[in-house]
Amino acid sequence: MRRMEIAESVLIVLALASLWLFALPQRALWHKLVWLVMLAAMAWIAVRRLRRIRAATDEAKRIRDEAERGGPPPSLTP
């Protein structure tokens, strides 16, 4: 995995851990700030992952179209 994917995974774990703040009887201002930061991080990660999925789908379609047209075989190297 690349460093950014590792950072995304760490942020997801931190966001899940921040949900434990709901279990506390008191809700301080910093709890809400943590939740807002984690919400923004999750939105950022979702956008990045959707872009990666879309790019991979487009690449797969391009390779399939080339294969159907009888073009050169697809390269397996990145």
PDB file of N, CA and C in Angstrom:
ATOM      1  N   MET A   1       0.839  -1.183   0.000  1.00  0.00           N
ATOM      2  CA  MET A   1       0.000   0.000   0.000  1.00  0.00           C
ATOM      3  C   MET A   1       0.880   1.242   0.000  1.00  0.00           C
ATOM      4  N   ARG A   2       0.338   2.268  -0.618  1.00  0.00           N
ATOM      5  CA  ARG A   2       1.059   3.526  -0.619  1.00  0.00           C
ATOM      6  C   ARG A   2       0.847   4.247   0.711  1.00  0.00           C
ATOM      7  N   ARG A   3       1.683   5.244   0.933  1.00  0.00           N
ATOM      8  CA  ARG A   3       1.613   5.979   2.210  1.00  0.00           C
ATOM      9  C   ARG A   3       0.255   6.638   2.417  1.00  0.00           C
ATOM     10  N   MET A   4      -0.323   7.182   1.341  1.00  0.00           N
ATOM     11  CA  MET A   4      -1.606   7.869   1.484  1.00  0.00           C
ATOM     12  C   MET A   4      -2.713   6.884   1.855  1.00  0.00           C
ATOM     13  N   GLU A   5      -2.657   5.683   1.307  1.00  0.00           N
ATOM     14  CA  GLU A   5      -3.650   4.674   1.664  1.00  0.00           C
ATOM     15  C   GLU A   5      -3.495   4.257   3.125  1.00  0.00           C
ATOM     16  N   ILE A   6      -2.272   4.191   3.593  1.00  0.00           N
ATOM     17  CA  ILE A   6      -2.033   3.881   5.005  1.00  0.00           C
ATOM     18  C   ILE A   6      -2.570   5.009   5.886  1.00  0.00           C
ATOM     19  N   ALA A   7      -2.333   6.251   5.475  1.00  0.00           N
ATOM     20  CA  ALA A   7      -2.842   7.400   6.234  1.00  0.00           C
ATOM     21  C   ALA A   7      -4.368   7.378   6.271  1.00  0.00           C
ATOM     22  N   GLU A   8      -4.989   7.017   5.154  1.00  0.00           N
ATOM     23  CA  GLU A   8      -6.454   6.914   5.125  1.00  0.00           C
ATOM     24  C   GLU A   8      -6.938   5.847   6.100  1.00  0.00           C
ATOM     25  N   SER A   9      -6.269   4.722   6.123  1.00  0.00           N
ATOM     26  CA  SER A   9      -6.666   3.649   7.028  1.00  0.00           C
ATOM     27  C   SER A   9      -6.521   4.072   8.493  1.00  0.00           C
ATOM     28  N   VAL A  10      -5.454   4.787   8.800  1.00  0.00           N
ATOM     29  CA  VAL A  10      -5.250   5.283  10.163  1.00  0.00           C
ATOM     30  C   VAL A  10      -6.352   6.275  10.529  1.00  0.00           C
ATOM     31  N   LEU A  11      -6.705   7.156   9.605  1.00  0.00           N
ATOM     32  CA  LEU A  11      -7.785   8.113   9.868  1.00  0.00           C
ATOM     33  C   LEU A  11      -9.117   7.408  10.105  1.00  0.00           C
ATOM     34  N   ILE A  12      -9.375   6.348   9.370  1.00  0.00           N
ATOM     35  CA  ILE A  12     -10.619   5.597   9.568  1.00  0.00           C
ATOM     36  C   ILE A  12     -10.644   4.984  10.964  1.00  0.00           C
ATOM     37  N   VAL A  13      -9.536   4.418  11.389  1.00  0.00           N
ATOM     38  CA  VAL A  13      -9.471   3.831  12.738  1.00  0.00           C
ATOM     39  C   VAL A  13      -9.654   4.914  13.797  1.00  0.00           C
ATOM     40  N   LEU A  14      -9.032   6.071  13.598  1.00  0.00           N
ATOM     41  CA  LEU A  14      -9.205   7.177  14.553  1.00  0.00           C
ATOM     42  C   LEU A  14     -10.650   7.665  14.588  1.00  0.00           C
ATOM     43  N   ALA A  15     -11.283   7.716  13.436  1.00  0.00           N
ATOM     44  CA  ALA A  15     -12.687   8.139  13.395  1.00  0.00           C
ATOM     45  C   ALA A  15     -13.568   7.150  14.142  1.00  0.00           C
ATOM     46  N   LEU A  16     -13.306   5.873  13.947  1.00  0.00           N
ATOM     47  CA  LEU A  16     -14.074   4.868  14.689  1.00  0.00           C
ATOM     48  C   LEU A  16     -13.816   4.978  16.189  1.00  0.00           C
ATOM     49  N   ALA A  17     -12.564   5.224  16.556  1.00  0.00           N
ATOM     50  CA  ALA A  17     -12.238   5.378  17.973  1.00  0.00           C
ATOM     51  C   ALA A  17     -12.906   6.612  18.568  1.00  0.00           C
ATOM     52  N   SER A  18     -13.077   7.656  17.763  1.00  0.00           N
ATOM     53  CA  SER A  18     -13.700   8.878  18.283  1.00  0.00           C
ATOM     54  C   SER A  18     -15.173   8.661  18.612  1.00  0.00           C
ATOM     55  N   LEU A  19     -15.769   7.615  18.066  1.00  0.00           N
ATOM     56  CA  LEU A  19     -17.169   7.330  18.383  1.00  0.00           C
ATOM     57  C   LEU A  19     -17.345   6.910  19.845  1.00  0.00           C
ATOM     58  N   TRP A  20     -16.251   6.495  20.489  1.00  0.00           N
ATOM     59  CA  TRP A  20     -16.335   6.139  21.905  1.00  0.00           C
ATOM     60  C   TRP A  20     -16.669   7.347  22.769  1.00  0.00           C
ATOM     61  N   LEU A  21     -16.458   8.531  22.231  1.00  0.00           N
ATOM     62  CA  LEU A  21     -16.806   9.737  22.997  1.00  0.00           C
ATOM     63  C   LEU A  21     -18.312   9.822  23.247  1.00  0.00           C
ATOM     64  N   PHE A  22     -19.104   9.147  22.408  1.00  0.00           N
ATOM     65  CA  PHE A  22     -20.549   9.112  22.638  1.00  0.00           C
ATOM     66  C   PHE A  22     -20.895   8.384  23.934  1.00  0.00           C
ATOM     67  N   ALA A  23     -20.045   7.474  24.348  1.00  0.00           N
ATOM     68  CA  ALA A  23     -20.319   6.694  25.555  1.00  0.00           C
ATOM     69  C   ALA A  23     -20.112   7.507  26.830  1.00  0.00           C
ATOM     70  N   LEU A  24     -19.398   8.603  26.722  1.00  0.00           N
ATOM     71  CA  LEU A  24     -19.154   9.429  27.897  1.00  0.00           C
ATOM     72  C   LEU A  24     -20.422  10.184  28.287  1.00  0.00           C
ATOM     73  N   PRO A  25     -20.668  10.335  29.574  1.00  0.00           N
ATOM     74  CA  PRO A  25     -21.888  11.017  30.007  1.00  0.00           C
ATOM     75  C   PRO A  25     -21.874  12.519  29.702  1.00  0.00           C
ATOM     76  N   GLN A  26     -20.699  13.097  29.649  1.00  0.00           N
ATOM     77  CA  GLN A  26     -20.605  14.532  29.377  1.00  0.00           C
ATOM     78  C   GLN A  26     -20.196  14.739  27.933  1.00  0.00           C
ATOM     79  N   ARG A  27     -20.704  15.799  27.351  1.00  0.00           N
ATOM     80  CA  ARG A  27     -20.329  16.124  25.975  1.00  0.00           C
ATOM     81  C   ARG A  27     -19.690  17.507  25.986  1.00  0.00           C
ATOM     82  N   ALA A  28     -18.407  17.537  25.961  1.00  0.00           N
ATOM     83  CA  ALA A  28     -17.672  18.798  25.977  1.00  0.00           C
ATOM     84  C   ALA A  28     -17.568  19.349  24.557  1.00  0.00           C
ATOM     85  N   LEU A  29     -17.166  20.601  24.475  1.00  0.00           N
ATOM     86  CA  LEU A  29     -17.019  21.246  23.170  1.00  0.00           C
ATOM     87  C   LEU A  29     -15.963  20.538  22.326  1.00  0.00           C
ATOM     88  N   TRP A  30     -14.901  20.081  22.958  1.00  0.00           N
ATOM     89  CA  TRP A  30     -13.844  19.434  22.183  1.00  0.00           C
ATOM     90  C   TRP A  30     -14.315  18.117  21.579  1.00  0.00           C
ATOM     91  N   HIS A  31     -15.331  17.462  22.215  1.00  0.00           N
ATOM     92  CA  HIS A  31     -15.905  16.245  21.621  1.00  0.00           C
ATOM     93  C   HIS A  31     -16.509  16.582  20.262  1.00  0.00           C
ATOM     94  N   LYS A  32     -17.257  17.661  20.229  1.00  0.00           N
ATOM     95  CA  LYS A  32     -17.909  18.057  18.976  1.00  0.00           C
ATOM     96  C   LYS A  32     -16.870  18.453  17.930  1.00  0.00           C
ATOM     97  N   LEU A  33     -15.816  19.087  18.363  1.00  0.00           N
ATOM     98  CA  LEU A  33     -14.760  19.455  17.418  1.00  0.00           C
ATOM     99  C   LEU A  33     -14.081  18.212  16.842  1.00  0.00           C
ATOM    100  N   VAL A  34     -13.844  17.224  17.687  1.00  0.00           N
ATOM    101  CA  VAL A  34     -13.248  15.979  17.210  1.00  0.00           C
ATOM    102  C   VAL A  34     -14.168  15.318  16.198  1.00  0.00           C
ATOM    103  N   TRP A  35     -15.473  15.283  16.482  1.00  0.00           N
ATOM    104  CA  TRP A  35     -16.416  14.662  15.555  1.00  0.00           C
ATOM    105  C   TRP A  35     -16.462  15.415  14.223  1.00  0.00           C
ATOM    106  N   LEU A  36     -16.414  16.735  14.280  1.00  0.00           N
ATOM    107  CA  LEU A  36     -16.424  17.512  13.034  1.00  0.00           C
ATOM    108  C   LEU A  36     -15.161  17.267  12.209  1.00  0.00           C
ATOM    109  N   VAL A  37     -14.030  17.190  12.880  1.00  0.00           N
ATOM    110  CA  VAL A  37     -12.775  16.908  12.167  1.00  0.00           C
ATOM    111  C   VAL A  37     -12.826  15.517  11.559  1.00  0.00           C
ATOM    112  N   MET A  38     -13.323  14.550  12.316  1.00  0.00           N
ATOM    113  CA  MET A  38     -13.411  13.190  11.798  1.00  0.00           C
ATOM    114  C   MET A  38     -14.428  13.092  10.651  1.00  0.00           C
ATOM    115  N   LEU A  39     -15.508  13.833  10.729  1.00  0.00           N
ATOM    116  CA  LEU A  39     -16.489  13.852   9.642  1.00  0.00           C
ATOM    117  C   LEU A  39     -15.858  14.415   8.370  1.00  0.00           C
ATOM    118  N   ALA A  40     -15.108  15.493   8.513  1.00  0.00           N
ATOM    119  CA  ALA A  40     -14.418  16.069   7.358  1.00  0.00           C
ATOM    120  C   ALA A  40     -13.389  15.090   6.799  1.00  0.00           C
ATOM    121  N   ALA A  41     -12.682  14.393   7.661  1.00  0.00           N
ATOM    122  CA  ALA A  41     -11.692  13.414   7.210  1.00  0.00           C
ATOM    123  C   ALA A  41     -12.367  12.261   6.471  1.00  0.00           C
ATOM    124  N   MET A  42     -13.503  11.799   6.968  1.00  0.00           N
ATOM    125  CA  MET A  42     -14.217  10.710   6.302  1.00  0.00           C
ATOM    126  C   MET A  42     -14.743  11.152   4.937  1.00  0.00           C
ATOM    127  N   ALA A  43     -15.201  12.383   4.833  1.00  0.00           N
ATOM    128  CA  ALA A  43     -15.659  12.900   3.538  1.00  0.00           C
ATOM    129  C   ALA A  43     -14.488  12.972   2.557  1.00  0.00           C
ATOM    130  N   TRP A  44     -13.346  13.445   3.033  1.00  0.00           N
ATOM    131  CA  TRP A  44     -12.150  13.535   2.192  1.00  0.00           C
ATOM    132  C   TRP A  44     -11.724  12.146   1.711  1.00  0.00           C
ATOM    133  N   ILE A  45     -11.725  11.166   2.613  1.00  0.00           N
ATOM    134  CA  ILE A  45     -11.347   9.806   2.254  1.00  0.00           C
ATOM    135  C   ILE A  45     -12.348   9.219   1.252  1.00  0.00           C
ATOM    136  N   ALA A  46     -13.629   9.461   1.470  1.00  0.00           N
ATOM    137  CA  ALA A  46     -14.644   8.938   0.549  1.00  0.00           C
ATOM    138  C   ALA A  46     -14.437   9.491  -0.859  1.00  0.00           C
ATOM    139  N   VAL A  47     -14.169  10.778  -0.966  1.00  0.00           N
ATOM    140  CA  VAL A  47     -13.946  11.389  -2.275  1.00  0.00           C
ATOM    141  C   VAL A  47     -12.715  10.783  -2.939  1.00  0.00           C
ATOM    142  N   ARG A  48     -11.632  10.656  -2.193  1.00  0.00           N
ATOM    143  CA  ARG A  48     -10.397  10.087  -2.755  1.00  0.00           C
ATOM    144  C   ARG A  48     -10.605   8.647  -3.215  1.00  0.00           C
ATOM    145  N   ARG A  49     -11.295   7.850  -2.413  1.00  0.00           N
ATOM    146  CA  ARG A  49     -11.505   6.450  -2.781  1.00  0.00           C
ATOM    147  C   ARG A  49     -12.449   6.320  -3.971  1.00  0.00           C
ATOM    148  N   LEU A  50     -13.477   7.158  -4.035  1.00  0.00           N
ATOM    149  CA  LEU A  50     -14.370   7.128  -5.185  1.00  0.00           C
ATOM    150  C   LEU A  50     -13.635   7.510  -6.458  1.00  0.00           C
ATOM    151  N   ARG A  51     -12.738   8.478  -6.369  1.00  0.00           N
ATOM    152  CA  ARG A  51     -11.934   8.842  -7.542  1.00  0.00           C
ATOM    153  C   ARG A  51     -11.035   7.696  -7.975  1.00  0.00           C
ATOM    154  N   ARG A  52     -10.429   7.002  -7.014  1.00  0.00           N
ATOM    155  CA  ARG A  52      -9.582   5.858  -7.358  1.00  0.00           C
ATOM    156  C   ARG A  52     -10.394   4.743  -8.005  1.00  0.00           C
ATOM    157  N   ILE A  53     -11.589   4.484  -7.471  1.00  0.00           N
ATOM    158  CA  ILE A  53     -12.449   3.450  -8.043  1.00  0.00           C
ATOM    159  C   ILE A  53     -12.863   3.838  -9.460  1.00  0.00           C
ATOM    160  N   ARG A  54     -13.220   5.098  -9.649  1.00  0.00           N
ATOM    161  CA  ARG A  54     -13.618   5.568 -10.973  1.00  0.00           C
ATOM    162  C   ARG A  54     -12.456   5.454 -11.960  1.00  0.00           C
ATOM    163  N   ALA A  55     -11.263   5.815 -11.545  1.00  0.00           N
ATOM    164  CA  ALA A  55     -10.097   5.712 -12.423  1.00  0.00           C
ATOM    165  C   ALA A  55      -9.806   4.257 -12.775  1.00  0.00           C
ATOM    166  N   ALA A  56      -9.924   3.362 -11.806  1.00  0.00           N
ATOM    167  CA  ALA A  56      -9.689   1.940 -12.073  1.00  0.00           C
ATOM    168  C   ALA A  56     -10.748   1.389 -13.020  1.00  0.00           C
ATOM    169  N   THR A  57     -11.986   1.813 -12.863  1.00  0.00           N
ATOM    170  CA  THR A  57     -13.056   1.374 -13.755  1.00  0.00           C
ATOM    171  C   THR A  57     -12.805   1.865 -15.172  1.00  0.00           C
ATOM    172  N   ASP A  58     -12.428   3.125 -15.308  1.00  0.00           N
ATOM    173  CA  ASP A  58     -12.129   3.671 -16.631  1.00  0.00           C
ATOM    174  C   ASP A  58     -10.970   2.928 -17.283  1.00  0.00           C
ATOM    175  N   GLU A  59      -9.954   2.612 -16.513  1.00  0.00           N
ATOM    176  CA  GLU A  59      -8.808   1.873 -17.040  1.00  0.00           C
ATOM    177  C   GLU A  59      -9.227   0.476 -17.481  1.00  0.00           C
ATOM    178  N   ALA A  60     -10.061  -0.192 -16.700  1.00  0.00           N
ATOM    179  CA  ALA A  60     -10.529  -1.532 -17.063  1.00  0.00           C
ATOM    180  C   ALA A  60     -11.366  -1.479 -18.345  1.00  0.00           C
ATOM    181  N   LYS A  61     -12.205  -0.459 -18.473  1.00  0.00           N
ATOM    182  CA  LYS A  61     -13.001  -0.303 -19.691  1.00  0.00           C
ATOM    183  C   LYS A  61     -12.102  -0.059 -20.896  1.00  0.00           C
ATOM    184  N   ARG A  62     -11.076   0.760 -20.730  1.00  0.00           N
ATOM    185  CA  ARG A  62     -10.154   1.041 -21.823  1.00  0.00           C
ATOM    186  C   ARG A  62      -9.445  -0.234 -22.267  1.00  0.00           C
ATOM    187  N   ILE A  63      -8.991  -1.028 -21.312  1.00  0.00           N
ATOM    188  CA  ILE A  63      -8.316  -2.279 -21.636  1.00  0.00           C
ATOM    189  C   ILE A  63      -9.279  -3.240 -22.329  1.00  0.00           C
ATOM    190  N   ARG A  64     -10.512  -3.328 -21.836  1.00  0.00           N
ATOM    191  CA  ARG A  64     -11.502  -4.209 -22.458  1.00  0.00           C
ATOM    192  C   ARG A  64     -11.809  -3.771 -23.885  1.00  0.00           C
ATOM    193  N   ASP A  65     -11.958  -2.461 -24.093  1.00  0.00           N
ATOM    194  CA  ASP A  65     -12.248  -1.953 -25.432  1.00  0.00           C
ATOM    195  C   ASP A  65     -11.095  -2.236 -26.389  1.00  0.00           C
ATOM    196  N   GLU A  66      -9.854  -2.081 -25.907  1.00  0.00           N
ATOM    197  CA  GLU A  66      -8.695  -2.385 -26.749  1.00  0.00           C
ATOM    198  C   GLU A  66      -8.662  -3.867 -27.109  1.00  0.00           C
ATOM    199  N   ALA A  67      -8.998  -4.720 -26.156  1.00  0.00           N
ATOM    200  CA  ALA A  67      -8.989  -6.158 -26.413  1.00  0.00           C
ATOM    201  C   ALA A  67     -10.078  -6.538 -27.407  1.00  0.00           C
ATOM    202  N   GLU A  68     -11.237  -5.895 -27.313  1.00  0.00           N
ATOM    203  CA  GLU A  68     -12.332  -6.191 -28.234  1.00  0.00           C
ATOM    204  C   GLU A  68     -12.017  -5.713 -29.647  1.00  0.00           C
ATOM    205  N   ARG A  69     -11.276  -4.632 -29.778  1.00  0.00           N
ATOM    206  CA  ARG A  69     -10.907  -4.116 -31.086  1.00  0.00           C
ATOM    207  C   ARG A  69      -9.753  -4.884 -31.708  1.00  0.00           C
ATOM    208  N   GLY A  70      -9.153  -5.749 -30.955  1.00  0.00           N
ATOM    209  CA  GLY A  70      -8.039  -6.524 -31.472  1.00  0.00           C
ATOM    210  C   GLY A  70      -6.732  -5.764 -31.407  1.00  0.00           C
ATOM    211  N   GLY A  71      -6.644  -4.846 -30.507  1.00  0.00           N
ATOM    212  CA  GLY A  71      -5.420  -4.081 -30.332  1.00  0.00           C
ATOM    213  C   GLY A  71      -4.352  -4.929 -29.678  1.00  0.00           C
ATOM    214  N   PRO A  72      -3.244  -4.338 -29.351  1.00  0.00           N
ATOM    215  CA  PRO A  72      -2.181  -5.096 -28.686  1.00  0.00           C
ATOM    216  C   PRO A  72      -2.654  -5.579 -27.322  1.00  0.00           C
ATOM    217  N   PRO A  73      -2.106  -6.679 -26.854  1.00  0.00           N
ATOM    218  CA  PRO A  73      -2.529  -7.190 -25.537  1.00  0.00           C
ATOM    219  C   PRO A  73      -2.200  -6.187 -24.446  1.00  0.00           C
ATOM    220  N   PRO A  74      -3.040  -6.130 -23.411  1.00  0.00           N
ATOM    221  CA  PRO A  74      -2.806  -5.158 -22.340  1.00  0.00           C
ATOM    222  C   PRO A  74      -1.532  -5.465 -21.576  1.00  0.00           C
ATOM    223  N   SER A  75      -0.885  -4.413 -21.134  1.00  0.00           N
ATOM    224  CA  SER A  75       0.322  -4.559 -20.346  1.00  0.00           C
ATOM    225  C   SER A  75      -0.047  -4.839 -18.899  1.00  0.00           C
ATOM    226  N   LEU A  76       0.655  -5.752 -18.292  1.00  0.00           N
ATOM    227  CA  LEU A  76       0.374  -6.079 -16.896  1.00  0.00           C
ATOM    228  C   LEU A  76       1.209  -5.275 -15.931  1.00  0.00           C
ATOM    229  N   THR A  77       2.101  -4.459 -16.448  1.00  0.00           N
ATOM    230  CA  THR A  77       2.928  -3.634 -15.575  1.00  0.00           C
ATOM    231  C   THR A  77       2.253  -2.298 -15.367  1.00  0.00           C
ATOM    232  N   PRO A  78       2.376  -1.740 -14.166  1.00  0.00           N
ATOM    233  CA  PRO A  78       1.707  -0.454 -13.881  1.00  0.00           C
ATOM    234  C   PRO A  78       2.347   0.707 -14.607  1.00  0.00           C
TER     235      PRO A  78
END
